Amino acid sequence: MKDNVTPKAKWEFDSEVAKCFADMLERSIPDYKSMRSLVFEVGEKYIKPNSWLVDIGCSTGLASEPFYLRHGKDLHYYLCDNSNDMLAECAEKFKDGMRENRVIFSNADFWNTNMPENTSLCLSILSIQFMPTAYRQSMINTIYDRLIDGGAFIFVEKIIADERMDDTLVDLYYQMKRANGYTDERIMEKRKSLENVLSPLKAEWNEDMLHEAGFEKVDMFWRCLNFCGWVAVK
């Protein structure tokens, strides 16, 4: 479904957003298809049979679905999101796995859930940026603790660029959104709606949190404008 959502005063991941979420992301994230492809290709290197794949802020299951379609019964899936509407859309993709108890949904904030042990791959794709900054280090600590040795955390976030370049990158980002059919009015409405809801950090601050948690192997595998993706290996 095409994204024609009029943003509310404060952004919500409600049923209207959930129904058009795939289109919204494709038109709003630069180099989106490449990012999605790389998340899958990098993640494939670390999954182990009979382990857990955890998707934090799973939304409609866009990140974890390719692994589910490829690996099916070889993995267990723990999908966490605090939006009932997002999880309702997500559940349609994982019906068979739910019946077989291979897919578990957690309708909660990640810091209030029990992430499974024996996790070989944890995904956070454009999710932690919406969570309180005060909780982020402890969440990443938990991810590190619950991963098996050799397991990986794939982490994609919007960032604040260097002060000398941030305005330029933001201008290019809005230029991309205009090219994808968003009006200046809609762009500004969404920006205002996301204030105090989306809280990006500088790239190096995200990397510092990964190292502080214990990850020694951290590398940026993707970047486009003010968006970055890292893989951190335990």
Protein backbone atom coordinates (compact mmCIF):
# COMPACT_ATOMS: atom_id res chain seq x y z
CA MET A 1 0.00 0.00 0.00
CA LYS A 2 1.26 3.49 -0.89
CA ASP A 3 2.25 5.83 1.93
CA ASN A 4 -0.30 8.65 2.10
CA VAL A 5 -0.17 9.00 5.88
CA THR A 6 -0.64 12.46 7.35
CA PRO A 7 1.68 12.51 10.39
CA LYS A 8 0.07 13.13 13.76
CA ALA A 9 1.38 15.81 16.11
CA LYS A 10 3.44 13.03 17.76
CA TRP A 11 4.50 10.13 15.55
CA GLU A 12 2.76 6.79 16.18
CA PHE A 13 3.33 3.35 14.66
CA ASP A 14 -0.40 2.77 14.32
CA SER A 15 -2.47 0.66 11.91
CA GLU A 16 -2.35 3.34 9.19
CA VAL A 17 1.46 3.34 9.28
CA ALA A 18 1.67 -0.46 9.56
CA LYS A 19 -0.33 -1.02 6.38
CA CYS A 20 1.99 1.12 4.22
CA PHE A 21 5.23 0.64 6.18
CA ALA A 22 7.16 -1.15 3.43
CA ASP A 23 6.42 1.64 0.93
CA MET A 24 7.21 4.31 3.54
CA LEU A 25 10.65 2.87 4.24
CA GLU A 26 11.52 2.29 0.59
CA ARG A 27 10.74 5.92 -0.21
CA SER A 28 12.31 7.35 2.97
CA ILE A 29 15.59 5.46 3.46
CA PRO A 30 18.42 6.16 1.00
CA ASP A 31 19.84 3.09 -0.78
CA TYR A 32 17.12 1.10 0.97
CA LYS A 33 17.16 -2.05 -1.16
CA SER A 34 20.93 -2.35 -0.87
CA MET A 35 20.71 -1.99 2.92
CA ARG A 36 18.07 -4.71 3.18
CA SER A 37 20.04 -7.03 0.93
CA LEU A 38 23.24 -6.52 2.91
CA VAL A 39 21.52 -7.10 6.25
CA PHE A 40 20.46 -10.51 4.97
CA GLU A 41 23.75 -11.37 3.29
CA VAL A 42 25.85 -10.35 6.30
CA GLY A 43 23.47 -12.02 8.76
CA GLU A 44 23.64 -15.28 6.81
CA LYS A 45 27.30 -15.60 7.81
CA TYR A 46 26.48 -15.90 11.52
CA ILE A 47 23.26 -17.87 11.99
CA LYS A 48 23.53 -21.35 13.47
CA PRO A 49 20.94 -24.17 13.19
CA ASN A 50 18.59 -24.52 16.19
CA SER A 51 19.60 -21.12 17.57
CA TRP A 52 17.47 -18.00 17.95
CA LEU A 53 17.17 -15.03 15.60
CA VAL A 54 16.04 -11.96 17.55
CA ASP A 55 14.49 -8.94 15.82
CA ILE A 56 14.26 -5.84 18.03
CA GLY A 57 11.56 -3.45 16.89
CA CYS A 58 10.52 -5.99 14.29
CA SER A 59 7.70 -3.78 12.94
CA THR A 60 6.06 -5.76 10.12
CA GLY A 61 8.85 -8.36 9.94
CA LEU A 62 10.70 -6.91 6.97
CA ALA A 63 14.17 -7.71 8.37
CA SER A 64 13.53 -11.19 9.72
CA GLU A 65 11.22 -12.50 6.99
CA PRO A 66 14.04 -13.29 4.48
CA PHE A 67 15.75 -15.47 7.10
CA TYR A 68 12.44 -17.17 7.89
CA LEU A 69 11.78 -17.90 4.23
CA ARG A 70 15.31 -19.25 3.68
CA HIS A 71 15.84 -21.20 6.91
CA GLY A 72 12.38 -22.06 8.17
CA LYS A 73 12.60 -24.83 10.75
CA ASP A 74 16.37 -24.49 11.21
CA LEU A 75 15.88 -21.43 13.44
CA HIS A 76 13.69 -20.09 16.22
CA TYR A 77 12.49 -16.49 15.98
CA TYR A 78 11.87 -13.93 18.75
CA LEU A 79 10.20 -10.82 17.34
CA CYS A 80 9.78 -7.85 19.67
CA ASP A 81 7.81 -4.65 19.09
CA ASN A 82 5.73 -2.36 21.31
CA SER A 83 3.14 -1.66 18.58
CA ASN A 84 0.15 -4.03 18.46
CA ASP A 85 -0.67 -2.79 14.96
CA MET A 86 2.81 -3.57 13.65
CA LEU A 87 2.75 -7.05 15.21
CA ALA A 88 -0.67 -7.75 13.68
CA GLU A 89 0.77 -7.10 10.22
CA CYS A 90 3.90 -9.06 11.09
CA ALA A 91 1.98 -12.12 12.29
CA GLU A 92 0.56 -12.70 8.82
CA LYS A 93 4.07 -13.44 7.55
CA PHE A 94 4.86 -15.98 10.28
CA LYS A 95 1.59 -17.89 10.74
CA ASP A 96 3.05 -21.34 10.15
CA GLY A 97 5.96 -20.71 12.49
CA MET A 98 3.61 -19.49 15.22
CA ARG A 99 1.57 -22.69 15.00
CA GLU A 100 4.76 -24.72 15.34
CA ASN A 101 6.03 -22.58 18.27
CA ARG A 102 9.13 -21.58 16.31
CA VAL A 103 8.08 -17.93 16.24
CA ILE A 104 7.43 -15.98 19.44
CA PHE A 105 6.09 -12.43 19.48
CA SER A 106 6.75 -10.07 22.36
CA ASN A 107 4.47 -7.03 22.50
CA ALA A 108 6.66 -4.94 24.79
CA ASP A 109 9.56 -2.53 24.98
CA PHE A 110 12.80 -4.45 24.50
CA TRP A 111 14.24 -3.38 27.86
CA ASN A 112 11.27 -5.08 29.56
CA THR A 113 11.61 -8.42 27.75
CA ASN A 114 13.71 -11.54 28.24
CA MET A 115 15.79 -11.98 25.12
CA PRO A 116 16.47 -15.70 24.55
CA GLU A 117 19.86 -17.16 25.23
CA ASN A 118 21.46 -19.22 22.45
CA THR A 119 20.90 -16.34 20.02
CA SER A 120 23.18 -16.44 16.99
CA LEU A 121 21.85 -13.31 15.25
CA CYS A 122 20.21 -10.19 16.66
CA LEU A 123 18.78 -7.54 14.35
CA SER A 124 17.96 -3.94 15.19
CA ILE A 125 17.06 -2.24 11.93
CA LEU A 126 16.11 1.42 12.42
CA SER A 127 14.68 0.60 15.85
CA ILE A 128 16.91 1.54 18.79
CA GLN A 129 16.88 5.14 17.51
CA PHE A 130 13.28 5.31 18.80
CA MET A 131 14.17 4.07 22.29
CA PRO A 132 15.20 6.24 25.27
CA THR A 133 18.88 7.08 25.08
CA ALA A 134 19.28 6.28 28.78
CA TYR A 135 18.39 2.62 28.09
CA ARG A 136 20.45 2.01 24.98
CA GLN A 137 23.72 0.93 26.58
CA SER A 138 22.00 -1.56 28.88
CA MET A 139 20.04 -2.98 25.92
CA ILE A 140 23.21 -3.49 23.90
CA ASN A 141 24.85 -5.06 26.97
CA THR A 142 21.97 -7.55 27.13
CA ILE A 143 22.32 -8.34 23.42
CA TYR A 144 26.01 -9.07 23.88
CA ASP A 145 25.37 -11.28 26.91
CA ARG A 146 22.69 -13.36 25.18
CA LEU A 147 24.58 -13.96 21.94
CA ILE A 148 26.51 -17.18 21.50
CA ASP A 149 30.25 -16.92 20.89
CA GLY A 150 30.63 -16.05 17.22
CA GLY A 151 27.11 -14.62 17.08
CA ALA A 152 26.43 -11.20 15.59
CA PHE A 153 24.42 -8.06 16.20
CA ILE A 154 23.38 -6.16 13.06
CA PHE A 155 22.53 -2.59 13.91
CA VAL A 156 21.18 -0.01 11.43
CA GLU A 157 20.47 3.55 12.59
CA LYS A 158 19.91 7.07 11.45
CA ILE A 159 22.81 9.20 12.69
CA ILE A 160 23.79 12.78 13.36
CA ALA A 161 26.62 13.57 10.98
CA ASP A 162 29.62 15.77 11.67
CA GLU A 163 28.49 19.35 12.27
CA ARG A 164 30.34 20.50 9.15
CA MET A 165 28.41 18.05 6.96
CA ASP A 166 25.07 17.46 8.72
CA ASP A 167 23.15 20.22 6.91
CA THR A 168 24.46 19.05 3.55
CA LEU A 169 23.49 15.43 4.19
CA VAL A 170 20.05 16.42 5.49
CA ASP A 171 19.48 18.56 2.38
CA LEU A 172 20.43 15.62 0.15
CA TYR A 173 18.15 13.35 2.18
CA TYR A 174 15.17 15.67 1.67
CA GLN A 175 16.05 15.93 -2.02
CA MET A 176 15.80 12.13 -2.21
CA LYS A 177 12.40 12.17 -0.49
CA ARG A 178 11.11 14.79 -2.94
CA ALA A 179 12.30 12.62 -5.83
CA ASN A 180 10.33 9.76 -4.28
CA GLY A 181 7.10 11.75 -4.32
CA TYR A 182 6.95 13.43 -0.92
CA THR A 183 6.00 17.10 -0.86
CA ASP A 184 7.91 19.68 1.17
CA GLU A 185 4.84 20.05 3.37
CA ARG A 186 4.69 16.31 4.12
CA ILE A 187 8.46 16.18 4.76
CA MET A 188 8.24 18.98 7.32
CA GLU A 189 5.11 17.50 8.93
CA LYS A 190 6.89 14.20 9.47
CA ARG A 191 10.04 15.91 10.76
CA LYS A 192 7.99 17.80 13.34
CA SER A 193 6.01 14.67 14.26
CA LEU A 194 9.23 12.75 14.93
CA GLU A 195 10.74 15.38 17.22
CA ASN A 196 11.43 13.86 20.66
CA VAL A 197 10.38 10.45 19.27
CA LEU A 198 13.35 9.70 17.02
CA SER A 199 16.69 10.44 18.73
CA PRO A 200 19.67 9.66 16.49
CA LEU A 201 23.23 9.71 17.82
CA LYS A 202 26.58 10.31 16.18
CA ALA A 203 28.07 7.25 14.48
CA GLU A 204 31.01 7.12 16.87
CA TRP A 205 28.69 7.16 19.88
CA ASN A 206 26.89 4.07 18.58
CA GLU A 207 30.24 2.38 18.02
CA ASP A 208 31.35 3.33 21.53
CA MET A 209 28.27 1.60 22.97
CA LEU A 210 29.03 -1.56 21.01
CA HIS A 211 32.61 -1.66 22.29
CA GLU A 212 31.50 -0.83 25.84
CA ALA A 213 29.17 -3.84 25.76
CA GLY A 214 32.12 -6.09 24.95
CA PHE A 215 32.07 -6.35 21.17
CA GLU A 216 35.66 -6.28 19.92
CA LYS A 217 34.83 -6.89 16.26
CA VAL A 218 32.76 -3.95 15.02
CA ASP A 219 32.60 -2.80 11.42
CA MET A 220 30.38 -0.50 9.39
CA PHE A 221 29.15 -2.53 6.41
CA TRP A 222 26.83 0.08 4.93
CA ARG A 223 26.39 3.84 4.89
CA CYS A 224 24.32 6.22 2.80
CA LEU A 225 23.93 9.89 3.74
CA ASN A 226 22.89 10.04 7.41
CA PHE A 227 22.17 6.32 7.83
CA CYS A 228 24.66 3.62 8.89
CA GLY A 229 24.74 -0.14 9.41
CA TRP A 230 27.17 -2.05 11.63
CA VAL A 231 27.90 -5.67 12.32
CA ALA A 232 29.28 -6.47 15.77
CA VAL A 233 30.55 -10.00 16.45
CA LYS A 234 30.92 -11.60 19.87
